[in-house]
């Protein structure tokens, strides 16, 4: 883990937690990371659900890319960028 922070949202109108993590992962590890993303997506507050039922769960940026791609979990599947 390069860095990670967990912050309580107890003092905000929508209670809960916010998690930020920065990690370098190899595509061979995407299955394991996908398990965590699916677990987190199943527990998000309803305000994080998009109209199509998907959850924007984070971002992925390959080292050669300048702009990160949005990671989505939809119907229990992680939408990994191509």
N, C-alpha and C. Protein backbone atom coordinates (compact mmCIF):
# COMPACT_ATOMS: atom_id res chain seq x y z
N UNK A 1 0.85 -1.16 0.00
CA UNK A 1 0.00 0.00 0.00
C UNK A 1 0.90 1.22 0.00
N UNK A 2 0.71 2.09 -0.97
CA UNK A 2 1.48 3.33 -1.00
C UNK A 2 0.94 4.31 0.03
N UNK A 3 -0.37 4.44 0.09
CA UNK A 3 -0.99 5.28 1.12
C UNK A 3 -2.47 4.93 1.20
N UNK A 4 -3.04 5.23 2.34
CA UNK A 4 -4.46 4.97 2.55
C UNK A 4 -4.96 5.86 3.67
N UNK A 5 -6.22 6.28 3.57
CA UNK A 5 -6.82 7.09 4.61
C UNK A 5 -8.30 6.72 4.73
N UNK A 6 -8.75 6.56 5.95
CA UNK A 6 -10.14 6.28 6.25
C UNK A 6 -10.66 7.42 7.12
N UNK A 7 -11.71 8.07 6.65
CA UNK A 7 -12.24 9.24 7.37
C UNK A 7 -13.70 9.01 7.73
N UNK A 8 -14.03 9.33 8.96
CA UNK A 8 -15.42 9.25 9.42
C UNK A 8 -16.22 10.41 8.85
N UNK A 9 -17.47 10.13 8.49
CA UNK A 9 -18.38 11.16 8.02
C UNK A 9 -19.47 11.39 9.07
N UNK A 10 -19.17 11.10 10.33
CA UNK A 10 -20.16 11.18 11.40
C UNK A 10 -20.71 12.58 11.59
N UNK A 11 -19.94 13.60 11.23
CA UNK A 11 -20.39 14.97 11.44
C UNK A 11 -21.09 15.55 10.21
N UNK A 12 -21.33 14.74 9.19
CA UNK A 12 -21.99 15.19 7.96
C UNK A 12 -23.42 14.67 7.91
N UNK A 13 -24.28 15.27 7.07
CA UNK A 13 -25.68 14.82 6.97
C UNK A 13 -25.81 13.34 6.58
N UNK A 14 -24.93 12.86 5.70
CA UNK A 14 -24.94 11.45 5.32
C UNK A 14 -23.80 10.78 6.07
N UNK A 15 -24.13 9.96 7.06
CA UNK A 15 -23.14 9.32 7.91
C UNK A 15 -22.41 8.22 7.16
N UNK A 16 -21.30 7.80 7.70
CA UNK A 16 -20.56 6.69 7.11
C UNK A 16 -19.07 6.97 7.12
N UNK A 17 -18.39 6.40 6.14
CA UNK A 17 -16.95 6.48 6.04
C UNK A 17 -16.55 6.79 4.62
N UNK A 18 -15.41 7.42 4.47
CA UNK A 18 -14.81 7.67 3.16
C UNK A 18 -13.43 7.02 3.17
N UNK A 19 -13.11 6.26 2.13
CA UNK A 19 -11.83 5.56 2.04
C UNK A 19 -11.10 6.04 0.79
N UNK A 20 -9.83 6.39 0.96
CA UNK A 20 -8.98 6.74 -0.16
C UNK A 20 -7.73 5.87 -0.05
N UNK A 21 -7.40 5.18 -1.13
CA UNK A 21 -6.19 4.36 -1.16
C UNK A 21 -5.49 4.54 -2.48
N UNK A 22 -4.19 4.56 -2.42
CA UNK A 22 -3.38 4.59 -3.63
C UNK A 22 -2.49 3.36 -3.58
N UNK A 23 -2.56 2.57 -4.61
CA UNK A 23 -1.87 1.29 -4.63
C UNK A 23 -1.37 1.02 -6.04
N UNK A 24 -0.21 0.45 -6.14
CA UNK A 24 0.28 -0.02 -7.42
C UNK A 24 -0.05 -1.51 -7.51
N UNK A 25 -0.83 -1.87 -8.52
CA UNK A 25 -1.19 -3.28 -8.69
C UNK A 25 -0.86 -3.73 -10.12
N UNK A 26 -0.61 -4.99 -10.24
CA UNK A 26 -0.36 -5.60 -11.54
C UNK A 26 -1.68 -6.16 -12.05
N UNK A 27 -1.91 -6.12 -13.36
CA UNK A 27 -3.17 -6.67 -13.88
C UNK A 27 -3.45 -8.11 -13.45
N UNK A 28 -2.42 -8.89 -13.12
CA UNK A 28 -2.64 -10.26 -12.64
C UNK A 28 -3.36 -10.27 -11.29
N UNK A 29 -3.36 -9.14 -10.59
CA UNK A 29 -4.00 -9.05 -9.28
C UNK A 29 -5.39 -8.44 -9.35
N UNK A 30 -5.89 -8.15 -10.54
CA UNK A 30 -7.19 -7.50 -10.68
C UNK A 30 -8.33 -8.33 -10.09
N UNK A 31 -8.25 -9.65 -10.15
CA UNK A 31 -9.32 -10.48 -9.59
C UNK A 31 -9.47 -10.25 -8.09
N UNK A 32 -8.33 -10.21 -7.39
CA UNK A 32 -8.37 -10.00 -5.94
C UNK A 32 -8.87 -8.59 -5.61
N UNK A 33 -8.40 -7.60 -6.34
CA UNK A 33 -8.84 -6.23 -6.12
C UNK A 33 -10.33 -6.12 -6.47
N UNK A 34 -10.76 -6.82 -7.51
CA UNK A 34 -12.17 -6.82 -7.90
C UNK A 34 -13.07 -7.32 -6.79
N UNK A 35 -12.61 -8.32 -6.04
CA UNK A 35 -13.39 -8.82 -4.89
C UNK A 35 -13.64 -7.70 -3.89
N UNK A 36 -12.59 -6.95 -3.58
CA UNK A 36 -12.72 -5.84 -2.64
C UNK A 36 -13.64 -4.76 -3.20
N UNK A 37 -13.50 -4.41 -4.46
CA UNK A 37 -14.34 -3.38 -5.07
C UNK A 37 -15.81 -3.79 -5.07
N UNK A 38 -16.09 -5.06 -5.37
CA UNK A 38 -17.48 -5.54 -5.35
C UNK A 38 -18.03 -5.50 -3.93
N UNK A 39 -17.22 -5.87 -2.95
CA UNK A 39 -17.64 -5.83 -1.55
C UNK A 39 -17.96 -4.40 -1.14
N UNK A 40 -17.09 -3.46 -1.49
CA UNK A 40 -17.32 -2.05 -1.15
C UNK A 40 -18.56 -1.52 -1.86
N UNK A 41 -18.73 -1.83 -3.13
CA UNK A 41 -19.86 -1.33 -3.91
C UNK A 41 -21.19 -1.80 -3.33
N UNK A 42 -21.21 -2.99 -2.76
CA UNK A 42 -22.45 -3.52 -2.18
C UNK A 42 -22.84 -2.76 -0.91
N UNK A 43 -21.92 -1.95 -0.38
CA UNK A 43 -22.17 -1.27 0.88
C UNK A 43 -22.22 0.25 0.77
N UNK A 44 -22.23 0.78 -0.44
CA UNK A 44 -22.24 2.24 -0.59
C UNK A 44 -23.61 2.80 -0.22
N UNK A 45 -23.60 4.06 0.14
CA UNK A 45 -24.84 4.77 0.43
C UNK A 45 -25.61 4.93 -0.88
N UNK A 46 -26.93 4.86 -0.86
CA UNK A 46 -27.73 4.98 -2.09
C UNK A 46 -27.44 6.25 -2.91
N UNK A 47 -26.93 7.28 -2.28
CA UNK A 47 -26.62 8.50 -3.04
C UNK A 47 -25.47 8.28 -4.02
N UNK A 48 -24.72 7.19 -3.86
CA UNK A 48 -23.59 6.90 -4.76
C UNK A 48 -24.01 6.03 -5.95
N UNK A 49 -25.25 5.58 -5.96
CA UNK A 49 -25.73 4.77 -7.09
C UNK A 49 -26.05 5.68 -8.26
N UNK A 50 -25.59 5.30 -9.43
CA UNK A 50 -25.92 6.05 -10.63
C UNK A 50 -27.29 5.63 -11.12
N UNK A 51 -27.82 6.38 -12.07
CA UNK A 51 -29.16 6.07 -12.58
C UNK A 51 -29.27 4.66 -13.13
N UNK A 52 -28.18 4.13 -13.70
CA UNK A 52 -28.20 2.78 -14.27
C UNK A 52 -27.92 1.70 -13.23
N UNK A 53 -27.79 2.09 -11.95
CA UNK A 53 -27.54 1.12 -10.88
C UNK A 53 -26.07 0.84 -10.64
N UNK A 54 -25.20 1.40 -11.44
CA UNK A 54 -23.76 1.19 -11.27
C UNK A 54 -23.23 2.07 -10.14
N UNK A 55 -22.08 1.69 -9.63
CA UNK A 55 -21.40 2.45 -8.59
C UNK A 55 -20.03 2.86 -9.13
N UNK A 56 -19.75 4.16 -9.14
CA UNK A 56 -18.41 4.62 -9.46
C UNK A 56 -17.56 4.40 -8.22
N UNK A 57 -16.63 3.46 -8.30
CA UNK A 57 -15.94 3.00 -7.10
C UNK A 57 -14.50 3.50 -7.00
N UNK A 58 -14.04 4.17 -8.02
CA UNK A 58 -12.66 4.68 -7.97
C UNK A 58 -12.12 4.94 -9.36
N UNK A 59 -10.81 4.99 -9.42
CA UNK A 59 -10.13 5.29 -10.68
C UNK A 59 -8.94 4.36 -10.86
N UNK A 60 -8.59 4.11 -12.10
CA UNK A 60 -7.42 3.30 -12.43
C UNK A 60 -6.64 4.05 -13.50
N UNK A 61 -5.35 4.17 -13.26
CA UNK A 61 -4.50 4.82 -14.25
C UNK A 61 -3.26 3.97 -14.44
N UNK A 62 -3.08 3.49 -15.66
CA UNK A 62 -1.86 2.77 -15.98
C UNK A 62 -0.73 3.78 -16.07
N UNK A 63 0.49 3.37 -15.77
CA UNK A 63 1.60 4.31 -15.67
C UNK A 63 1.85 5.10 -16.95
N UNK A 64 1.49 4.56 -18.09
CA UNK A 64 1.71 5.27 -19.35
C UNK A 64 0.56 6.22 -19.72
N UNK A 65 -0.50 6.18 -18.96
CA UNK A 65 -1.67 7.04 -19.22
C UNK A 65 -1.59 8.31 -18.38
N UNK A 66 -2.04 9.41 -18.96
CA UNK A 66 -2.07 10.67 -18.22
C UNK A 66 -3.38 10.90 -17.48
N UNK A 67 -4.46 10.31 -18.00
CA UNK A 67 -5.79 10.53 -17.43
C UNK A 67 -6.31 9.20 -16.87
N UNK A 68 -6.78 9.19 -15.63
CA UNK A 68 -7.32 7.96 -15.06
C UNK A 68 -8.70 7.62 -15.64
N UNK A 69 -9.01 6.33 -15.64
CA UNK A 69 -10.32 5.84 -16.08
C UNK A 69 -11.16 5.51 -14.85
N UNK A 70 -12.45 5.75 -14.94
CA UNK A 70 -13.36 5.47 -13.82
C UNK A 70 -13.57 3.97 -13.70
N UNK A 71 -13.47 3.46 -12.48
CA UNK A 71 -13.82 2.07 -12.19
C UNK A 71 -15.27 2.03 -11.76
N UNK A 72 -16.03 1.14 -12.39
CA UNK A 72 -17.45 1.00 -12.07
C UNK A 72 -17.74 -0.44 -11.68
N UNK A 73 -18.65 -0.58 -10.74
CA UNK A 73 -19.17 -1.91 -10.42
C UNK A 73 -20.64 -1.87 -10.80
N UNK A 74 -21.02 -2.81 -11.68
CA UNK A 74 -22.39 -2.87 -12.16
C UNK A 74 -22.83 -4.33 -12.21
N UNK A 75 -23.94 -4.61 -11.58
CA UNK A 75 -24.47 -5.98 -11.51
C UNK A 75 -23.42 -6.96 -10.99
N UNK A 76 -22.64 -6.51 -10.00
CA UNK A 76 -21.65 -7.39 -9.38
C UNK A 76 -20.39 -7.59 -10.19
N UNK A 77 -20.20 -6.84 -11.26
CA UNK A 77 -19.01 -6.99 -12.11
C UNK A 77 -18.25 -5.66 -12.14
N UNK A 78 -16.93 -5.75 -12.05
CA UNK A 78 -16.09 -4.57 -12.15
C UNK A 78 -15.84 -4.28 -13.62
N UNK A 79 -16.06 -3.02 -14.02
CA UNK A 79 -15.79 -2.61 -15.39
C UNK A 79 -14.36 -2.11 -15.51
N UNK A 80 -13.43 -3.04 -15.72
CA UNK A 80 -12.02 -2.67 -15.85
C UNK A 80 -11.79 -1.94 -17.18
N UNK A 81 -11.01 -0.87 -17.18
CA UNK A 81 -10.69 -0.19 -18.44
C UNK A 81 -9.92 -1.12 -19.38
N UNK A 82 -10.11 -0.92 -20.66
CA UNK A 82 -9.42 -1.76 -21.65
C UNK A 82 -7.99 -1.28 -21.86
